[in-house]
N, C-alpha and C. Protein backbone atom coordinates (compact mmCIF):
# COMPACT_ATOMS: atom_id res chain seq x y z
N MET A 1 139.24 -12.22 158.49
CA MET A 1 138.04 -12.78 157.89
C MET A 1 137.17 -13.35 158.99
N ASN A 2 135.91 -13.04 158.92
CA ASN A 2 134.94 -13.52 159.89
C ASN A 2 134.33 -14.81 159.37
N THR A 3 134.46 -15.88 160.12
CA THR A 3 133.96 -17.16 159.63
C THR A 3 132.54 -17.44 160.08
N GLY A 4 132.04 -16.70 161.04
CA GLY A 4 130.69 -16.94 161.53
C GLY A 4 129.81 -15.74 161.30
N SER A 5 128.53 -15.92 161.57
CA SER A 5 127.58 -14.83 161.42
C SER A 5 126.52 -14.98 162.48
N ASP A 6 126.04 -13.86 162.98
CA ASP A 6 125.00 -13.91 164.01
C ASP A 6 123.63 -14.17 163.42
N GLU A 7 123.41 -13.79 162.17
CA GLU A 7 122.11 -13.91 161.55
C GLU A 7 122.01 -15.22 160.78
N PRO A 8 120.87 -15.94 160.91
CA PRO A 8 120.69 -17.13 160.09
C PRO A 8 120.49 -16.72 158.64
N GLY A 9 121.04 -17.50 157.74
CA GLY A 9 120.90 -17.22 156.32
C GLY A 9 121.91 -16.22 155.82
N GLU A 10 122.84 -15.79 156.67
CA GLU A 10 123.85 -14.86 156.22
C GLU A 10 125.22 -15.53 156.28
N VAL A 11 126.07 -15.16 155.34
CA VAL A 11 127.39 -15.73 155.24
C VAL A 11 128.39 -14.59 155.26
N ALA A 12 129.44 -14.72 156.05
CA ALA A 12 130.48 -13.70 156.08
C ALA A 12 131.40 -13.92 154.90
N VAL A 13 131.89 -12.83 154.32
CA VAL A 13 132.76 -12.90 153.17
C VAL A 13 134.10 -12.29 153.54
N ALA A 14 135.13 -12.63 152.81
CA ALA A 14 136.48 -12.15 153.11
C ALA A 14 136.55 -10.63 153.03
N SER A 15 137.47 -10.04 153.77
CA SER A 15 137.65 -8.59 153.78
C SER A 15 138.23 -8.14 152.45
N ASP A 16 137.86 -6.92 152.05
CA ASP A 16 138.46 -6.36 150.85
C ASP A 16 139.68 -5.53 151.22
N GLU A 17 140.20 -4.73 150.27
CA GLU A 17 141.42 -3.96 150.51
C GLU A 17 141.28 -2.96 151.65
N THR A 18 140.07 -2.45 151.88
CA THR A 18 139.87 -1.45 152.92
C THR A 18 139.77 -2.07 154.30
N GLY A 19 139.66 -3.38 154.38
CA GLY A 19 139.60 -4.07 155.66
C GLY A 19 138.19 -4.21 156.21
N THR A 20 137.17 -3.86 155.42
CA THR A 20 135.80 -3.99 155.91
C THR A 20 135.23 -5.33 155.48
N ASP A 21 134.49 -5.93 156.38
CA ASP A 21 133.84 -7.20 156.06
C ASP A 21 132.49 -6.92 155.41
N GLU A 22 132.20 -7.65 154.36
CA GLU A 22 130.90 -7.56 153.73
C GLU A 22 130.13 -8.82 154.08
N VAL A 23 128.87 -8.64 154.46
CA VAL A 23 128.02 -9.77 154.77
C VAL A 23 126.88 -9.77 153.77
N ARG A 24 126.78 -10.86 153.05
CA ARG A 24 125.71 -11.00 152.08
C ARG A 24 124.85 -12.18 152.45
N SER A 25 123.57 -12.09 152.17
CA SER A 25 122.69 -13.22 152.44
C SER A 25 122.91 -14.29 151.38
N GLU A 26 122.50 -15.48 151.68
CA GLU A 26 122.64 -16.57 150.72
C GLU A 26 121.81 -16.32 149.47
N GLN A 27 120.69 -15.61 149.63
CA GLN A 27 119.87 -15.31 148.47
C GLN A 27 120.61 -14.41 147.50
N GLU A 28 121.34 -13.42 148.01
CA GLU A 28 122.09 -12.55 147.12
C GLU A 28 123.18 -13.32 146.39
N ARG A 29 123.79 -14.28 147.06
CA ARG A 29 124.82 -15.09 146.40
C ARG A 29 124.23 -15.94 145.30
N ALA A 30 122.96 -16.31 145.41
CA ALA A 30 122.35 -17.25 144.49
C ALA A 30 121.95 -16.60 143.16
N LEU A 31 122.13 -15.28 143.01
CA LEU A 31 121.76 -14.65 141.76
C LEU A 31 122.66 -15.14 140.64
N GLY A 32 122.08 -15.33 139.47
CA GLY A 32 122.87 -15.73 138.31
C GLY A 32 122.42 -17.07 137.75
N SER A 33 123.16 -17.50 136.77
CA SER A 33 122.83 -18.71 136.04
C SER A 33 122.98 -19.96 136.91
N ARG A 34 122.05 -20.88 136.74
CA ARG A 34 122.14 -22.16 137.44
C ARG A 34 122.44 -23.29 136.45
N ALA A 35 122.98 -22.91 135.31
CA ALA A 35 123.34 -23.91 134.30
C ALA A 35 124.48 -24.77 134.82
N PRO A 36 124.57 -26.00 134.35
CA PRO A 36 125.69 -26.86 134.75
C PRO A 36 127.03 -26.21 134.37
N GLU A 37 128.07 -26.55 135.10
CA GLU A 37 129.38 -25.93 134.90
C GLU A 37 129.93 -26.18 133.49
N PHE A 38 129.71 -27.37 132.94
CA PHE A 38 130.24 -27.64 131.60
C PHE A 38 129.54 -26.77 130.56
N VAL A 39 128.29 -26.36 130.83
CA VAL A 39 127.58 -25.46 129.91
C VAL A 39 128.12 -24.04 130.05
N LYS A 40 128.32 -23.60 131.31
CA LYS A 40 128.83 -22.25 131.54
C LYS A 40 130.25 -22.08 131.02
N ALA A 41 131.02 -23.16 130.93
CA ALA A 41 132.41 -23.09 130.50
C ALA A 41 132.53 -22.80 129.00
N ARG A 42 131.51 -23.11 128.23
CA ARG A 42 131.55 -22.90 126.79
C ARG A 42 130.56 -21.80 126.40
N ARG A 43 131.06 -20.70 125.88
CA ARG A 43 130.23 -19.52 125.62
C ARG A 43 129.07 -19.83 124.68
N LEU A 44 129.33 -20.46 123.56
CA LEU A 44 128.27 -20.75 122.59
C LEU A 44 127.22 -21.67 123.19
N LEU A 45 127.66 -22.68 123.92
CA LEU A 45 126.72 -23.60 124.55
C LEU A 45 125.88 -22.87 125.61
N HIS A 46 126.51 -21.95 126.36
CA HIS A 46 125.79 -21.23 127.40
C HIS A 46 124.74 -20.29 126.80
N VAL A 47 125.09 -19.61 125.71
CA VAL A 47 124.12 -18.74 125.05
C VAL A 47 122.98 -19.57 124.49
N SER A 48 123.29 -20.71 123.90
CA SER A 48 122.24 -21.60 123.38
C SER A 48 121.34 -22.08 124.52
N TRP A 49 121.95 -22.40 125.64
CA TRP A 49 121.20 -22.83 126.82
C TRP A 49 120.24 -21.72 127.25
N GLN A 50 120.73 -20.48 127.32
CA GLN A 50 119.90 -19.36 127.74
C GLN A 50 118.76 -19.11 126.75
N VAL A 51 119.03 -19.22 125.47
CA VAL A 51 117.97 -19.05 124.47
C VAL A 51 116.91 -20.13 124.65
N GLY A 52 117.34 -21.37 124.87
CA GLY A 52 116.38 -22.45 125.10
C GLY A 52 115.54 -22.22 126.34
N ILE A 53 116.17 -21.81 127.43
CA ILE A 53 115.43 -21.52 128.67
C ILE A 53 114.45 -20.38 128.44
N PHE A 54 114.88 -19.35 127.70
CA PHE A 54 114.01 -18.22 127.43
C PHE A 54 112.79 -18.65 126.63
N ILE A 55 112.99 -19.47 125.61
CA ILE A 55 111.88 -19.92 124.76
C ILE A 55 110.91 -20.79 125.55
N ILE A 56 111.44 -21.71 126.36
CA ILE A 56 110.56 -22.57 127.17
C ILE A 56 109.79 -21.73 128.17
N GLY A 57 110.47 -20.81 128.86
CA GLY A 57 109.79 -19.93 129.81
C GLY A 57 108.74 -19.06 129.14
N LEU A 58 109.07 -18.55 127.94
CA LEU A 58 108.12 -17.73 127.20
C LEU A 58 106.87 -18.53 126.83
N ALA A 59 107.06 -19.76 126.39
CA ALA A 59 105.92 -20.61 126.03
C ALA A 59 105.02 -20.85 127.25
N VAL A 60 105.63 -21.07 128.41
CA VAL A 60 104.84 -21.31 129.63
C VAL A 60 104.11 -20.03 130.05
N VAL A 61 104.79 -18.88 129.98
CA VAL A 61 104.14 -17.61 130.35
C VAL A 61 103.00 -17.30 129.39
N VAL A 62 103.20 -17.50 128.10
CA VAL A 62 102.13 -17.25 127.12
C VAL A 62 100.95 -18.18 127.38
N ALA A 63 101.23 -19.45 127.70
CA ALA A 63 100.13 -20.38 128.03
C ALA A 63 99.38 -19.88 129.26
N GLY A 64 100.09 -19.35 130.25
CA GLY A 64 99.42 -18.81 131.44
C GLY A 64 98.58 -17.60 131.11
N ILE A 65 99.09 -16.73 130.23
CA ILE A 65 98.31 -15.55 129.84
C ILE A 65 97.05 -15.97 129.10
N ILE A 66 97.15 -17.00 128.27
CA ILE A 66 95.98 -17.51 127.55
C ILE A 66 94.98 -18.08 128.55
N MET A 67 95.47 -18.70 129.64
CA MET A 67 94.58 -19.30 130.62
C MET A 67 93.87 -18.28 131.51
N LEU A 68 94.35 -17.02 131.52
CA LEU A 68 93.70 -16.04 132.40
C LEU A 68 92.21 -15.89 132.10
N PRO A 69 91.80 -15.66 130.84
CA PRO A 69 90.35 -15.56 130.61
C PRO A 69 89.68 -16.92 130.44
N LEU A 70 90.46 -17.96 130.19
CA LEU A 70 89.92 -19.30 129.99
C LEU A 70 90.05 -20.11 131.28
N PRO A 71 89.36 -21.24 131.34
CA PRO A 71 89.52 -22.08 132.54
C PRO A 71 90.94 -22.62 132.64
N GLY A 72 91.49 -22.52 133.80
CA GLY A 72 92.84 -23.01 134.02
C GLY A 72 93.56 -22.14 135.03
N PRO A 73 94.64 -22.65 135.58
CA PRO A 73 95.38 -21.92 136.61
C PRO A 73 96.35 -20.90 135.99
N GLY A 74 95.83 -19.84 135.41
CA GLY A 74 96.64 -18.89 134.67
C GLY A 74 97.79 -18.30 135.45
N TRP A 75 97.52 -17.75 136.65
CA TRP A 75 98.59 -17.10 137.41
C TRP A 75 99.64 -18.09 137.87
N VAL A 76 99.22 -19.28 138.22
CA VAL A 76 100.17 -20.31 138.65
C VAL A 76 101.12 -20.66 137.50
N VAL A 77 100.57 -20.77 136.30
CA VAL A 77 101.39 -21.11 135.13
C VAL A 77 102.32 -19.95 134.80
N ILE A 78 101.84 -18.71 134.91
CA ILE A 78 102.71 -17.55 134.65
C ILE A 78 103.88 -17.54 135.62
N PHE A 79 103.60 -17.76 136.91
CA PHE A 79 104.69 -17.78 137.88
C PHE A 79 105.61 -18.98 137.66
N GLY A 80 105.07 -20.07 137.14
CA GLY A 80 105.91 -21.21 136.76
C GLY A 80 106.87 -20.83 135.64
N GLY A 81 106.39 -20.10 134.66
CA GLY A 81 107.26 -19.63 133.58
C GLY A 81 108.32 -18.68 134.10
N MET A 82 107.94 -17.81 135.04
CA MET A 82 108.91 -16.91 135.66
C MET A 82 109.97 -17.72 136.41
N ALA A 83 109.55 -18.78 137.06
CA ALA A 83 110.51 -19.63 137.78
C ALA A 83 111.47 -20.31 136.81
N ILE A 84 110.97 -20.69 135.64
CA ILE A 84 111.86 -21.26 134.63
C ILE A 84 112.88 -20.22 134.19
N TRP A 85 112.42 -19.00 133.94
CA TRP A 85 113.35 -17.92 133.57
C TRP A 85 114.34 -17.63 134.69
N ALA A 86 113.88 -17.74 135.94
CA ALA A 86 114.74 -17.42 137.08
C ALA A 86 115.90 -18.40 137.22
N THR A 87 115.83 -19.55 136.57
CA THR A 87 116.97 -20.46 136.63
C THR A 87 118.16 -19.91 135.86
N GLU A 88 117.92 -18.93 135.00
CA GLU A 88 118.97 -18.44 134.12
C GLU A 88 119.17 -16.93 134.14
N PHE A 89 118.13 -16.16 134.46
CA PHE A 89 118.21 -14.71 134.31
C PHE A 89 118.03 -14.01 135.65
N VAL A 90 118.92 -13.08 135.94
CA VAL A 90 118.90 -12.36 137.21
C VAL A 90 117.64 -11.52 137.34
N TRP A 91 117.19 -10.88 136.25
CA TRP A 91 116.00 -10.03 136.33
C TRP A 91 114.79 -10.85 136.76
N ALA A 92 114.67 -12.08 136.29
CA ALA A 92 113.54 -12.93 136.68
C ALA A 92 113.67 -13.36 138.14
N GLN A 93 114.90 -13.58 138.60
CA GLN A 93 115.11 -13.93 140.01
C GLN A 93 114.68 -12.77 140.90
N LEU A 94 115.02 -11.56 140.50
CA LEU A 94 114.64 -10.39 141.29
C LEU A 94 113.13 -10.18 141.29
N VAL A 95 112.48 -10.40 140.15
CA VAL A 95 111.02 -10.27 140.08
C VAL A 95 110.36 -11.31 140.97
N LEU A 96 110.85 -12.54 140.95
CA LEU A 96 110.27 -13.59 141.79
C LEU A 96 110.47 -13.29 143.27
N ARG A 97 111.64 -12.78 143.64
CA ARG A 97 111.87 -12.42 145.05
C ARG A 97 110.92 -11.33 145.50
N TRP A 98 110.74 -10.31 144.66
CA TRP A 98 109.84 -9.22 144.99
C TRP A 98 108.41 -9.74 145.13
N THR A 99 108.00 -10.62 144.19
CA THR A 99 106.65 -11.18 144.23
C THR A 99 106.45 -12.02 145.49
N LYS A 100 107.43 -12.85 145.83
CA LYS A 100 107.32 -13.68 147.04
C LYS A 100 107.21 -12.81 148.28
N ARG A 101 108.00 -11.74 148.32
CA ARG A 101 107.97 -10.84 149.47
C ARG A 101 106.60 -10.16 149.59
N LYS A 102 106.04 -9.70 148.47
CA LYS A 102 104.74 -9.03 148.50
C LYS A 102 103.62 -10.00 148.88
N VAL A 103 103.68 -11.23 148.37
CA VAL A 103 102.66 -12.23 148.71
C VAL A 103 102.74 -12.58 150.19
N THR A 104 103.95 -12.71 150.72
CA THR A 104 104.12 -13.01 152.15
C THR A 104 103.59 -11.86 153.00
N GLU A 105 103.88 -10.62 152.60
CA GLU A 105 103.37 -9.47 153.34
C GLU A 105 101.85 -9.43 153.30
N ALA A 106 101.26 -9.70 152.15
CA ALA A 106 99.80 -9.69 152.03
C ALA A 106 99.17 -10.79 152.89
N ALA A 107 99.80 -11.95 152.91
CA ALA A 107 99.28 -13.05 153.74
C ALA A 107 99.36 -12.69 155.22
N GLN A 108 100.46 -12.05 155.63
CA GLN A 108 100.58 -11.63 157.03
C GLN A 108 99.52 -10.61 157.39
N ARG A 109 99.29 -9.65 156.48
CA ARG A 109 98.25 -8.64 156.75
C ARG A 109 96.87 -9.28 156.81
N ALA A 110 96.61 -10.25 155.93
CA ALA A 110 95.29 -10.89 155.92
C ALA A 110 95.04 -11.69 157.18
N LEU A 111 96.10 -12.21 157.79
CA LEU A 111 95.94 -13.01 159.00
C LEU A 111 95.93 -12.15 160.27
N ASP A 112 96.16 -10.86 160.14
CA ASP A 112 96.13 -9.96 161.29
C ASP A 112 94.71 -9.92 161.85
N PRO A 113 94.51 -10.20 163.15
CA PRO A 113 93.16 -10.25 163.71
C PRO A 113 92.38 -8.94 163.53
N ARG A 114 93.05 -7.79 163.64
CA ARG A 114 92.34 -6.52 163.46
C ARG A 114 91.82 -6.37 162.04
N VAL A 115 92.62 -6.76 161.06
CA VAL A 115 92.20 -6.66 159.66
C VAL A 115 91.06 -7.63 159.39
N ARG A 116 91.15 -8.83 159.93
CA ARG A 116 90.06 -9.80 159.73
C ARG A 116 88.77 -9.30 160.35
N ARG A 117 88.86 -8.75 161.55
CA ARG A 117 87.67 -8.21 162.22
C ARG A 117 87.06 -7.09 161.40
N ARG A 118 87.92 -6.18 160.90
CA ARG A 118 87.44 -5.07 160.08
C ARG A 118 86.75 -5.59 158.82
N ASN A 119 87.35 -6.58 158.16
CA ASN A 119 86.76 -7.13 156.94
C ASN A 119 85.42 -7.80 157.21
N ILE A 120 85.31 -8.51 158.32
CA ILE A 120 84.04 -9.15 158.67
C ILE A 120 82.97 -8.09 158.95
N ILE A 121 83.34 -7.04 159.67
CA ILE A 121 82.38 -5.97 159.96
C ILE A 121 81.94 -5.28 158.68
N LEU A 122 82.88 -4.95 157.80
CA LEU A 122 82.52 -4.28 156.54
C LEU A 122 81.65 -5.18 155.66
N THR A 123 81.95 -6.46 155.61
CA THR A 123 81.12 -7.39 154.83
C THR A 123 79.72 -7.47 155.39
N THR A 124 79.59 -7.54 156.71
CA THR A 124 78.27 -7.61 157.34
C THR A 124 77.47 -6.33 157.05
N ILE A 125 78.11 -5.17 157.18
CA ILE A 125 77.42 -3.91 156.89
C ILE A 125 76.99 -3.87 155.43
N GLY A 126 77.85 -4.30 154.52
CA GLY A 126 77.50 -4.33 153.10
C GLY A 126 76.31 -5.24 152.83
N LEU A 127 76.29 -6.41 153.44
CA LEU A 127 75.16 -7.34 153.25
C LEU A 127 73.87 -6.77 153.81
N VAL A 128 73.94 -6.09 154.94
CA VAL A 128 72.74 -5.47 155.52
C VAL A 128 72.22 -4.38 154.58
N ILE A 129 73.10 -3.56 154.03
CA ILE A 129 72.68 -2.50 153.10
C ILE A 129 72.03 -3.09 151.86
N VAL A 130 72.62 -4.14 151.30
CA VAL A 130 72.04 -4.80 150.12
C VAL A 130 70.68 -5.39 150.47
N ALA A 131 70.55 -6.04 151.62
CA ALA A 131 69.27 -6.63 152.03
C ALA A 131 68.21 -5.54 152.19
N VAL A 132 68.57 -4.41 152.77
CA VAL A 132 67.60 -3.31 152.94
C VAL A 132 67.17 -2.78 151.58
N LEU A 133 68.12 -2.58 150.66
CA LEU A 133 67.77 -2.08 149.34
C LEU A 133 66.88 -3.06 148.58
N VAL A 134 67.17 -4.35 148.65
CA VAL A 134 66.32 -5.37 148.01
C VAL A 134 64.94 -5.37 148.66
N GLY A 135 64.88 -5.25 149.98
CA GLY A 135 63.59 -5.19 150.67
C GLY A 135 62.77 -3.99 150.25
N ILE A 136 63.39 -2.82 150.12
CA ILE A 136 62.67 -1.62 149.68
C ILE A 136 62.16 -1.79 148.26
N TYR A 137 62.99 -2.36 147.39
CA TYR A 137 62.58 -2.59 146.00
C TYR A 137 61.37 -3.54 145.94
N VAL A 138 61.45 -4.64 146.67
CA VAL A 138 60.35 -5.62 146.65
C VAL A 138 59.09 -5.00 147.25
N TRP A 139 59.22 -4.21 148.32
CA TRP A 139 58.05 -3.58 148.94
C TRP A 139 57.40 -2.58 147.99
N LYS A 140 58.23 -1.83 147.25
CA LYS A 140 57.69 -0.79 146.36
C LYS A 140 57.15 -1.37 145.06
N PHE A 141 57.86 -2.33 144.44
CA PHE A 141 57.47 -2.83 143.13
C PHE A 141 56.93 -4.25 143.15
N GLY A 142 57.16 -4.98 144.21
CA GLY A 142 56.72 -6.36 144.29
C GLY A 142 57.62 -7.27 143.47
N ILE A 143 57.29 -8.55 143.54
CA ILE A 143 58.06 -9.54 142.79
C ILE A 143 57.20 -10.01 141.64
N VAL A 144 57.71 -9.84 140.43
CA VAL A 144 56.99 -10.29 139.24
C VAL A 144 57.84 -11.37 138.59
N MET A 145 57.28 -12.55 138.52
CA MET A 145 57.99 -13.65 137.90
C MET A 145 57.95 -13.50 136.37
N PRO A 146 59.00 -13.94 135.68
CA PRO A 146 59.04 -13.75 134.22
C PRO A 146 57.89 -14.41 133.49
N TRP A 147 57.36 -15.50 133.99
CA TRP A 147 56.28 -16.19 133.28
C TRP A 147 54.95 -15.51 133.54
N LYS A 148 54.88 -14.51 134.42
CA LYS A 148 53.62 -13.80 134.66
C LYS A 148 53.62 -12.38 134.07
N ILE A 149 54.63 -12.07 133.27
CA ILE A 149 54.67 -10.76 132.65
C ILE A 149 53.66 -10.73 131.52
N LYS A 150 52.80 -9.68 131.51
CA LYS A 150 51.75 -9.57 130.47
C LYS A 150 52.32 -8.86 129.25
N ASP A 151 51.85 -9.27 128.09
CA ASP A 151 52.25 -8.60 126.85
C ASP A 151 51.65 -7.21 126.84
N GLN A 152 52.42 -6.27 126.34
CA GLN A 152 51.92 -4.89 126.31
C GLN A 152 51.46 -4.49 124.97
C-alpha cells in the first residue's frame, strides 16, 4: 500500500487483488450523500432526508428560473439550488463539477492577453462601422426631432 502521493489533492488507496494501486482524487471520494451518519444508518429516515433536500432544492431552482426574466440573481439562485441538491445526489455533484470546470476554463480564456486584444480590436472595428453607418444616415436623411414632424 502506498501511503503517499506525488500529486496534491490525490490520495493513495490500498491495493486490490491484482496488486495494482488505485489513486483517486479527493473530489472523487467526496461523491455521495453528505447526510449525518445517524440519518444514513436508518433507511426510512435517509429517504425522507433525500426527499426533503430534493423539495428544498427544487423550490430554490424554480425561484431562480422565475428570477431569470424578472429582476433578481436568477443564475446564482439556480446554482444555489444545484448546490443544495449536490449535498445529497451524485448527479448534481457531477453537474456542479462540470459547471465549475467550464466556468474556470472560460475565465482563463477571457484573461488570455491575445483573446482580450482580439476582443478590443473587434469591438473598436464594430463601433467604427456603426459610427460610419449612423453618419451616412444622418448625412443622407438629416436629423428630424419628433416634435418637428409635420402632420401629413
